PDB file of all heavy atoms in Angstrom:
ATOM      1  N   ILE A   1      -4.462  75.011  10.136  1.00  0.00           N
ATOM      2  CA  ILE A   1      -3.640  75.100   8.971  1.00  0.00           C
ATOM      3  C   ILE A   1      -2.214  75.540   9.302  1.00  0.00           C
ATOM      4  O   ILE A   1      -1.201  75.019   8.919  1.00  0.00           O
ATOM      5  CB  ILE A   1      -4.259  75.994   7.915  1.00  0.00           C
ATOM      6  CG1 ILE A   1      -5.491  75.300   7.261  1.00  0.00           C
ATOM      7  CG2 ILE A   1      -3.224  76.427   6.842  1.00  0.00           C
ATOM      8  CD1 ILE A   1      -6.342  76.224   6.451  1.00  0.00           C
ATOM      9  N   ILE A   2      -2.211  76.566  10.215  1.00  0.00           N
ATOM     10  CA  ILE A   2      -0.871  77.048  10.677  1.00  0.00           C
ATOM     11  C   ILE A   2      -0.194  76.064  11.576  1.00  0.00           C
ATOM     12  O   ILE A   2       0.975  75.724  11.436  1.00  0.00           O
ATOM     13  CB  ILE A   2      -1.064  78.413  11.386  1.00  0.00           C
ATOM     14  CG1 ILE A   2      -1.496  79.510  10.409  1.00  0.00           C
ATOM     15  CG2 ILE A   2       0.280  78.817  12.065  1.00  0.00           C
ATOM     16  CD1 ILE A   2      -1.935  80.824  11.087  1.00  0.00           C
ATOM     17  N   GLY A   3      -0.919  75.523  12.531  1.00  0.00           N
ATOM     18  CA  GLY A   3      -0.379  74.599  13.490  1.00  0.00           C
ATOM     19  C   GLY A   3       0.187  73.323  12.924  1.00  0.00           C
ATOM     20  O   GLY A   3       1.238  72.830  13.281  1.00  0.00           O
ATOM     21  N   GLU A   4      -0.568  72.784  11.938  1.00  0.00           N
ATOM     22  CA  GLU A   4      -0.125  71.544  11.272  1.00  0.00           C
ATOM     23  C   GLU A   4       0.787  71.769  10.082  1.00  0.00           C
ATOM     24  O   GLU A   4       1.333  70.769   9.512  1.00  0.00           O
ATOM     25  CB  GLU A   4      -1.361  70.755  10.834  1.00  0.00           C
ATOM     26  CG  GLU A   4      -2.313  70.324  11.948  1.00  0.00           C
ATOM     27  CD  GLU A   4      -1.676  69.193  12.835  1.00  0.00           C
ATOM     28  OE1 GLU A   4      -0.682  68.591  12.394  1.00  0.00           O
ATOM     29  OE2 GLU A   4      -2.203  69.022  13.911  1.00  0.00           O
ATOM     30  N   GLY A   5       0.999  72.984   9.732  1.00  0.00           N
ATOM     31  CA  GLY A   5       1.872  73.292   8.561  1.00  0.00           C
ATOM     32  C   GLY A   5       1.267  72.727   7.285  1.00  0.00           C
ATOM     33  O   GLY A   5       2.022  72.150   6.462  1.00  0.00           O
ATOM     34  N   ARG A   6      -0.052  72.878   7.072  1.00  0.00           N
ATOM     35  CA  ARG A   6      -0.609  72.375   5.829  1.00  0.00           C
ATOM     36  C   ARG A   6       0.078  73.007   4.624  1.00  0.00           C
ATOM     37  O   ARG A   6       0.355  74.228   4.663  1.00  0.00           O
ATOM     38  CB  ARG A   6      -2.109  72.713   5.809  1.00  0.00           C
ATOM     39  CG  ARG A   6      -2.962  72.120   6.929  1.00  0.00           C
ATOM     40  CD  ARG A   6      -3.151  70.621   6.770  1.00  0.00           C
ATOM     41  NE  ARG A   6      -4.176  70.140   7.713  1.00  0.00           N
ATOM     42  CZ  ARG A   6      -3.985  69.149   8.492  1.00  0.00           C
ATOM     43  NH1 ARG A   6      -2.864  68.473   8.499  1.00  0.00           N
ATOM     44  NH2 ARG A   6      -4.999  68.753   9.342  1.00  0.00           N
ATOM     45  N   PRO A   7       0.296  72.297   3.573  1.00  0.00           N
ATOM     46  CA  PRO A   7       0.966  72.807   2.386  1.00  0.00           C
ATOM     47  C   PRO A   7      -0.021  73.648   1.528  1.00  0.00           C
ATOM     48  O   PRO A   7      -0.407  73.242   0.368  1.00  0.00           O
ATOM     49  CB  PRO A   7       1.436  71.578   1.661  1.00  0.00           C
ATOM     50  CG  PRO A   7       0.422  70.512   1.978  1.00  0.00           C
ATOM     51  CD  PRO A   7      -0.021  70.810   3.421  1.00  0.00           C
ATOM     52  N   THR A   8      -0.411  74.780   1.993  1.00  0.00           N
ATOM     53  CA  THR A   8      -1.364  75.602   1.319  1.00  0.00           C
ATOM     54  C   THR A   8      -1.262  77.058   1.809  1.00  0.00           C
ATOM     55  O   THR A   8      -0.502  77.343   2.717  1.00  0.00           O
ATOM     56  CB  THR A   8      -2.790  75.075   1.499  1.00  0.00           C
ATOM     57  OG1 THR A   8      -3.703  75.678   0.557  1.00  0.00           O
ATOM     58  CG2 THR A   8      -3.307  75.341   2.894  1.00  0.00           C
ATOM     59  N   ALA A   9      -1.997  77.943   1.221  1.00  0.00           N
ATOM     60  CA  ALA A   9      -1.995  79.358   1.616  1.00  0.00           C
ATOM     61  C   ALA A   9      -2.793  79.543   2.921  1.00  0.00           C
ATOM     62  O   ALA A   9      -3.884  78.929   3.124  1.00  0.00           O
ATOM     63  CB  ALA A   9      -2.606  80.221   0.571  1.00  0.00           C
ATOM     64  N   VAL A  10      -2.258  80.348   3.807  1.00  0.00           N
ATOM     65  CA  VAL A  10      -2.965  80.658   5.104  1.00  0.00           C
ATOM     66  C   VAL A  10      -4.142  81.618   4.844  1.00  0.00           C
ATOM     67  O   VAL A  10      -4.009  82.550   4.070  1.00  0.00           O
ATOM     68  CB  VAL A  10      -1.987  81.274   6.080  1.00  0.00           C
ATOM     69  CG1 VAL A  10      -2.722  81.753   7.347  1.00  0.00           C
ATOM     70  CG2 VAL A  10      -0.858  80.327   6.404  1.00  0.00           C
ATOM     71  N   PRO A  11      -5.324  81.330   5.386  1.00  0.00           N
ATOM     72  CA  PRO A  11      -6.442  82.156   5.186  1.00  0.00           C
ATOM     73  C   PRO A  11      -6.212  83.647   5.545  1.00  0.00           C
ATOM     74  O   PRO A  11      -5.577  83.904   6.577  1.00  0.00           O
ATOM     75  CB  PRO A  11      -7.518  81.555   6.091  1.00  0.00           C
ATOM     76  CG  PRO A  11      -7.148  80.123   6.184  1.00  0.00           C
ATOM     77  CD  PRO A  11      -5.645  80.125   6.197  1.00  0.00           C
ATOM     78  N   ASP A  12      -6.736  84.539   4.758  1.00  0.00           N
ATOM     79  CA  ASP A  12      -6.723  85.934   5.010  1.00  0.00           C
ATOM     80  C   ASP A  12      -7.902  86.451   5.801  1.00  0.00           C
ATOM     81  O   ASP A  12      -7.771  87.312   6.652  1.00  0.00           O
ATOM     82  CB  ASP A  12      -6.685  86.797   3.688  1.00  0.00           C
ATOM     83  CG  ASP A  12      -5.578  86.327   2.755  1.00  0.00           C
ATOM     84  OD1 ASP A  12      -4.420  86.485   3.117  1.00  0.00           O
ATOM     85  OD2 ASP A  12      -5.911  85.896   1.632  1.00  0.00           O
ATOM     86  N   LEU A  13      -9.096  85.863   5.491  1.00  0.00           N
ATOM     87  CA  LEU A  13     -10.322  86.291   6.095  1.00  0.00           C
ATOM     88  C   LEU A  13     -10.951  85.075   6.797  1.00  0.00           C
ATOM     89  O   LEU A  13     -11.133  84.021   6.160  1.00  0.00           O
ATOM     90  CB  LEU A  13     -11.280  86.787   4.973  1.00  0.00           C
ATOM     91  CG  LEU A  13     -12.687  87.167   5.385  1.00  0.00           C
ATOM     92  CD1 LEU A  13     -12.704  88.322   6.337  1.00  0.00           C
ATOM     93  CD2 LEU A  13     -13.506  87.502   4.149  1.00  0.00           C
ATOM     94  N   THR A  14     -11.268  85.256   8.043  1.00  0.00           N
ATOM     95  CA  THR A  14     -11.906  84.159   8.852  1.00  0.00           C
ATOM     96  C   THR A  14     -13.185  84.704   9.497  1.00  0.00           C
ATOM     97  O   THR A  14     -13.440  85.827   9.579  1.00  0.00           O
ATOM     98  CB  THR A  14     -10.989  83.602   9.906  1.00  0.00           C
ATOM     99  OG1 THR A  14     -10.685  84.633  10.885  1.00  0.00           O
ATOM    100  CG2 THR A  14      -9.657  83.098   9.282  1.00  0.00           C
ATOM    101  N   PHE A  15     -13.955  83.700   9.977  1.00  0.00           N
ATOM    102  CA  PHE A  15     -15.243  84.036  10.629  1.00  0.00           C
ATOM    103  C   PHE A  15     -15.546  82.919  11.627  1.00  0.00           C
ATOM    104  O   PHE A  15     -14.925  81.853  11.635  1.00  0.00           O
ATOM    105  CB  PHE A  15     -16.366  84.162   9.628  1.00  0.00           C
ATOM    106  CG  PHE A  15     -16.681  82.922   8.886  1.00  0.00           C
ATOM    107  CD1 PHE A  15     -17.750  82.059   9.262  1.00  0.00           C
ATOM    108  CD2 PHE A  15     -15.924  82.463   7.840  1.00  0.00           C
ATOM    109  CE1 PHE A  15     -18.001  80.902   8.626  1.00  0.00           C
ATOM    110  CE2 PHE A  15     -16.167  81.271   7.126  1.00  0.00           C
ATOM    111  CZ  PHE A  15     -17.246  80.512   7.554  1.00  0.00           C
ATOM    112  N   SER A  16     -16.523  83.203  12.533  1.00  0.00           N
ATOM    113  CA  SER A  16     -16.862  82.237  13.541  1.00  0.00           C
ATOM    114  C   SER A  16     -18.147  81.462  13.261  1.00  0.00           C
ATOM    115  O   SER A  16     -18.153  80.235  13.380  1.00  0.00           O
ATOM    116  CB  SER A  16     -16.990  82.921  14.893  1.00  0.00           C
ATOM    117  OG  SER A  16     -17.972  83.907  14.853  1.00  0.00           O
ATOM    118  N   ASP A  17     -19.185  82.135  12.843  1.00  0.00           N
ATOM    119  CA  ASP A  17     -20.482  81.451  12.655  1.00  0.00           C
ATOM    120  C   ASP A  17     -20.964  81.488  11.191  1.00  0.00           C
ATOM    121  O   ASP A  17     -21.351  80.484  10.667  1.00  0.00           O
ATOM    122  CB  ASP A  17     -21.526  82.085  13.556  1.00  0.00           C
ATOM    123  CG  ASP A  17     -21.209  81.886  15.003  1.00  0.00           C
ATOM    124  OD1 ASP A  17     -20.820  80.796  15.387  1.00  0.00           O
ATOM    125  OD2 ASP A  17     -21.313  82.863  15.775  1.00  0.00           O
ATOM    126  N   ARG A  18     -20.944  82.688  10.616  1.00  0.00           N
ATOM    127  CA  ARG A  18     -21.550  82.829   9.307  1.00  0.00           C
ATOM    128  C   ARG A  18     -20.991  84.103   8.601  1.00  0.00           C
ATOM    129  O   ARG A  18     -20.780  85.136   9.302  1.00  0.00           O
ATOM    130  CB  ARG A  18     -23.081  82.950   9.417  1.00  0.00           C
ATOM    131  CG  ARG A  18     -23.830  83.111   8.146  1.00  0.00           C
ATOM    132  CD  ARG A  18     -25.314  83.326   8.479  1.00  0.00           C
ATOM    133  NE  ARG A  18     -25.937  82.135   9.042  1.00  0.00           N
ATOM    134  CZ  ARG A  18     -26.753  81.324   8.376  1.00  0.00           C
ATOM    135  NH1 ARG A  18     -27.140  81.633   7.168  1.00  0.00           N
ATOM    136  NH2 ARG A  18     -27.308  80.324   9.022  1.00  0.00           N
ATOM    137  N   ILE A  19     -20.804  84.028   7.324  1.00  0.00           N
ATOM    138  CA  ILE A  19     -20.407  85.243   6.595  1.00  0.00           C
ATOM    139  C   ILE A  19     -20.954  85.092   5.179  1.00  0.00           C
ATOM    140  O   ILE A  19     -21.069  83.978   4.640  1.00  0.00           O
ATOM    141  CB  ILE A  19     -18.853  85.406   6.597  1.00  0.00           C
ATOM    142  CG1 ILE A  19     -18.482  86.768   6.042  1.00  0.00           C
ATOM    143  CG2 ILE A  19     -18.169  84.317   5.811  1.00  0.00           C
ATOM    144  CD1 ILE A  19     -17.001  87.085   6.194  1.00  0.00           C
ATOM    145  N   THR A  20     -21.291  86.221   4.516  1.00  0.00           N
ATOM    146  CA  THR A  20     -21.772  86.228   3.164  1.00  0.00           C
ATOM    147  C   THR A  20     -20.748  86.954   2.288  1.00  0.00           C
ATOM    148  O   THR A  20     -20.391  88.066   2.627  1.00  0.00           O
ATOM    149  CB  THR A  20     -23.139  86.847   3.032  1.00  0.00           C
ATOM    150  OG1 THR A  20     -24.109  86.116   3.785  1.00  0.00           O
ATOM    151  CG2 THR A  20     -23.604  86.881   1.592  1.00  0.00           C
ATOM    152  N   LEU A  21     -20.307  86.326   1.228  1.00  0.00           N
ATOM    153  CA  LEU A  21     -19.429  87.001   0.277  1.00  0.00           C
ATOM    154  C   LEU A  21     -20.264  87.479  -0.955  1.00  0.00           C
ATOM    155  O   LEU A  21     -21.089  86.687  -1.453  1.00  0.00           O
ATOM    156  CB  LEU A  21     -18.342  86.053  -0.222  1.00  0.00           C
ATOM    157  CG  LEU A  21     -17.406  85.443   0.850  1.00  0.00           C
ATOM    158  CD1 LEU A  21     -16.384  84.551   0.201  1.00  0.00           C
ATOM    159  CD2 LEU A  21     -16.724  86.566   1.691  1.00  0.00           C
ATOM    160  N   GLU A  22     -19.994  88.646  -1.393  1.00  0.00           N
ATOM    161  CA  GLU A  22     -20.720  89.177  -2.571  1.00  0.00           C
ATOM    162  C   GLU A  22     -19.665  89.621  -3.634  1.00  0.00           C
ATOM    163  O   GLU A  22     -18.672  90.198  -3.355  1.00  0.00           O
ATOM    164  CB  GLU A  22     -21.537  90.433  -2.117  1.00  0.00           C
ATOM    165  CG  GLU A  22     -22.617  90.127  -1.145  1.00  0.00           C
ATOM    166  CD  GLU A  22     -23.444  91.348  -0.785  1.00  0.00           C
ATOM    167  OE1 GLU A  22     -23.264  92.418  -1.490  1.00  0.00           O
ATOM    168  OE2 GLU A  22     -24.225  91.273   0.182  1.00  0.00           O
ATOM    169  N   LEU A  23     -19.999  89.230  -4.863  1.00  0.00           N
ATOM    170  CA  LEU A  23     -19.104  89.560  -5.967  1.00  0.00           C
ATOM    171  C   LEU A  23     -19.893  89.555  -7.268  1.00  0.00           C
ATOM    172  O   LEU A  23     -20.652  88.620  -7.579  1.00  0.00           O
ATOM    173  CB  LEU A  23     -17.972  88.479  -6.072  1.00  0.00           C
ATOM    174  CG  LEU A  23     -16.911  88.730  -7.156  1.00  0.00           C
ATOM    175  CD1 LEU A  23     -16.085  89.967  -6.817  1.00  0.00           C
ATOM    176  CD2 LEU A  23     -16.035  87.524  -7.336  1.00  0.00           C
ATOM    177  N   GLY A  24     -19.855  90.672  -7.972  1.00  0.00           N
ATOM    178  CA  GLY A  24     -20.512  90.758  -9.251  1.00  0.00           C
ATOM    179  C   GLY A  24     -21.979  90.482  -9.206  1.00  0.00           C
ATOM    180  O   GLY A  24     -22.552  89.942 -10.119  1.00  0.00           O
ATOM    181  N   GLY A  25     -22.623  90.928  -8.125  1.00  0.00           N
ATOM    182  CA  GLY A  25     -24.077  90.696  -8.036  1.00  0.00           C
ATOM    183  C   GLY A  25     -24.471  89.317  -7.595  1.00  0.00           C
ATOM    184  O   GLY A  25     -25.713  89.034  -7.499  1.00  0.00           O
TER     185      GLY A  25
END
């Protein structure tokens, strides 16, 4: 995204294999 200059927001949080997001149960 950074290298190609995609017209969007740059990610804040990244991961390599797996991640779980929790919100409101």
